[in-house]
């Protein structure tokens, strides 16, 4: 007489599918939360003259690709100078200098990429919080 272990895999499959759905929802929530946070940080660091650049920074999440993008749309009022303000070297104007005096963050060049580099710990904390079961 053979002995063995009988195992019903239906419950395992049901729970596995439920966990996958929960994980995807949490992943998407983490992508959106990180995007919102980084966009906010980029707005804090963006140089300011009339405020268009700060207002034009947006975030878009693409859950199927696990991507969140921080960007300035090409049809935004600041699109003509957004890349220049991010990539070029320049002296801050009076409004940007005043903005920087009010905060502990550096205003100006690389305002998006510095938001990621300087806030890695906070970004990791957001991911941990959003992905917690």
Protein backbone atom coordinates (compact mmCIF):
# COMPACT_ATOMS: atom_id res chain seq x y z
CA UNK A 1 0.00 0.00 0.00
CA UNK A 2 1.46 3.30 -1.09
CA UNK A 3 1.50 6.20 1.29
CA UNK A 4 1.70 9.78 0.22
CA UNK A 5 0.66 13.28 0.84
CA UNK A 6 -2.52 14.52 -0.72
CA UNK A 7 -2.53 18.21 -1.43
CA UNK A 8 -5.41 20.29 -2.82
CA UNK A 9 -3.83 23.06 -4.89
CA UNK A 10 -7.07 24.99 -5.49
CA UNK A 11 -6.78 27.04 -2.33
CA UNK A 12 -3.11 27.68 -3.00
CA UNK A 13 -3.92 28.94 -6.52
CA UNK A 14 -6.76 31.16 -5.27
CA UNK A 15 -4.58 32.69 -2.55
CA UNK A 16 -1.68 33.09 -4.97
CA UNK A 17 -3.86 34.98 -7.45
CA UNK A 18 -5.24 37.18 -4.66
CA UNK A 19 -1.72 37.97 -3.44
CA UNK A 20 -0.67 38.87 -6.99
CA UNK A 21 -3.59 41.31 -7.31
CA UNK A 22 -2.77 42.88 -3.95
CA UNK A 23 0.92 43.12 -4.89
CA UNK A 24 0.11 44.83 -8.20
CA UNK A 25 -2.17 47.34 -6.48
CA UNK A 26 0.52 48.08 -3.90
CA UNK A 27 3.21 48.38 -6.59
CA UNK A 28 1.06 50.83 -8.54
CA UNK A 29 0.34 52.82 -5.38
CA UNK A 30 4.09 52.95 -4.68
CA UNK A 31 4.85 54.16 -8.21
CA UNK A 32 2.25 56.91 -7.90
CA UNK A 33 3.37 57.93 -4.41
CA UNK A 34 7.03 58.12 -5.47
CA UNK A 35 6.07 60.11 -8.56
CA UNK A 36 4.03 62.61 -6.55
CA UNK A 37 6.83 62.97 -4.00
CA UNK A 38 9.60 63.47 -6.56
CA UNK A 39 7.50 65.94 -8.56
CA UNK A 40 6.89 67.93 -5.37
CA UNK A 41 10.60 67.90 -4.56
CA UNK A 42 11.45 68.97 -8.13
CA UNK A 43 9.01 71.89 -7.84
CA UNK A 44 10.79 72.95 -4.64
CA UNK A 45 14.15 72.86 -6.43
CA UNK A 46 13.05 74.41 -9.74
CA UNK A 47 14.28 77.93 -10.44
CA UNK A 48 11.57 80.55 -10.50
CA UNK A 49 10.94 83.72 -12.43
CA UNK A 50 7.20 83.86 -13.01
CA UNK A 51 6.40 80.38 -11.67
CA UNK A 52 5.55 78.62 -14.92
CA UNK A 53 8.27 75.98 -14.61
CA UNK A 54 7.25 75.06 -11.08
CA UNK A 55 3.60 74.78 -12.12
CA UNK A 56 4.42 72.75 -15.24
CA UNK A 57 6.29 69.87 -13.60
CA UNK A 58 4.11 66.77 -13.86
CA UNK A 59 4.24 63.07 -13.15
CA UNK A 60 2.89 60.15 -15.16
CA UNK A 61 2.83 56.52 -14.06
CA UNK A 62 2.96 53.56 -16.42
CA UNK A 63 2.16 50.51 -14.25
CA UNK A 64 2.57 47.93 -17.02
CA UNK A 65 6.21 49.02 -17.40
CA UNK A 66 6.81 49.78 -13.69
CA UNK A 67 7.75 53.37 -14.58
CA UNK A 68 6.97 56.78 -13.18
CA UNK A 69 8.10 59.77 -15.21
CA UNK A 70 8.66 63.30 -13.92
CA UNK A 71 8.52 65.76 -16.81
CA UNK A 72 7.52 69.10 -18.26
CA UNK A 73 5.04 68.62 -21.14
CA UNK A 74 6.11 69.98 -24.50
CA UNK A 75 2.97 72.12 -24.71
CA UNK A 76 3.48 73.67 -21.25
CA UNK A 77 4.27 77.40 -20.99
CA UNK A 78 7.77 76.64 -19.66
CA UNK A 79 8.64 73.94 -22.19
CA UNK A 80 10.88 76.30 -24.18
CA UNK A 81 13.30 76.71 -21.28
CA UNK A 82 12.66 73.71 -18.95
CA UNK A 83 15.54 71.62 -20.34
CA UNK A 84 17.89 74.62 -20.36
CA UNK A 85 17.10 75.31 -16.70
CA UNK A 86 17.69 71.65 -15.87
CA UNK A 87 20.87 71.08 -17.88
CA UNK A 88 22.72 74.39 -18.27
CA UNK A 89 24.87 76.30 -15.82
CA UNK A 90 23.56 79.73 -14.80
CA UNK A 91 23.36 82.16 -11.92
CA UNK A 92 20.10 82.28 -10.02
CA UNK A 93 17.87 85.26 -10.64
CA UNK A 94 16.42 87.29 -7.76
CA UNK A 95 13.22 85.23 -7.44
CA UNK A 96 15.13 81.95 -7.43
CA UNK A 97 17.58 83.32 -4.85
CA UNK A 98 14.64 84.45 -2.68
CA UNK A 99 13.04 81.01 -3.01
CA UNK A 100 16.28 79.30 -2.01
CA UNK A 101 16.65 81.59 1.02
CA UNK A 102 13.32 80.24 2.31
CA UNK A 103 14.29 76.57 2.19
CA UNK A 104 17.16 74.22 2.88
CA UNK A 105 17.12 72.82 -0.66
CA UNK A 106 19.28 74.06 -3.50
CA UNK A 107 17.26 75.76 -6.23
CA UNK A 108 18.40 75.56 -9.84
CA UNK A 109 20.21 73.20 -12.18
CA UNK A 110 19.25 69.48 -12.23
CA UNK A 111 16.08 70.22 -10.25
CA UNK A 112 14.49 66.88 -11.25
CA UNK A 113 17.49 64.55 -11.06
CA UNK A 114 18.70 66.12 -7.79
CA UNK A 115 15.26 65.47 -6.32
CA UNK A 116 15.82 61.77 -6.89
CA UNK A 117 19.48 61.73 -5.86
CA UNK A 118 18.99 63.80 -2.71
CA UNK A 119 15.83 62.00 -1.56
CA UNK A 120 16.78 58.34 -2.07
CA UNK A 121 16.12 57.47 1.57
CA UNK A 122 12.66 59.07 1.52
CA UNK A 123 11.87 57.33 -1.77
CA UNK A 124 12.88 53.96 -0.30
CA UNK A 125 10.71 54.66 2.74
CA UNK A 126 7.72 55.46 0.51
CA UNK A 127 8.21 52.19 -1.37
CA UNK A 128 8.50 50.19 1.86
CA UNK A 129 5.38 51.85 3.28
CA UNK A 130 3.30 51.34 0.15
CA UNK A 131 4.43 47.75 -0.41
CA UNK A 132 3.90 46.59 3.18
CA UNK A 133 1.41 43.75 3.53
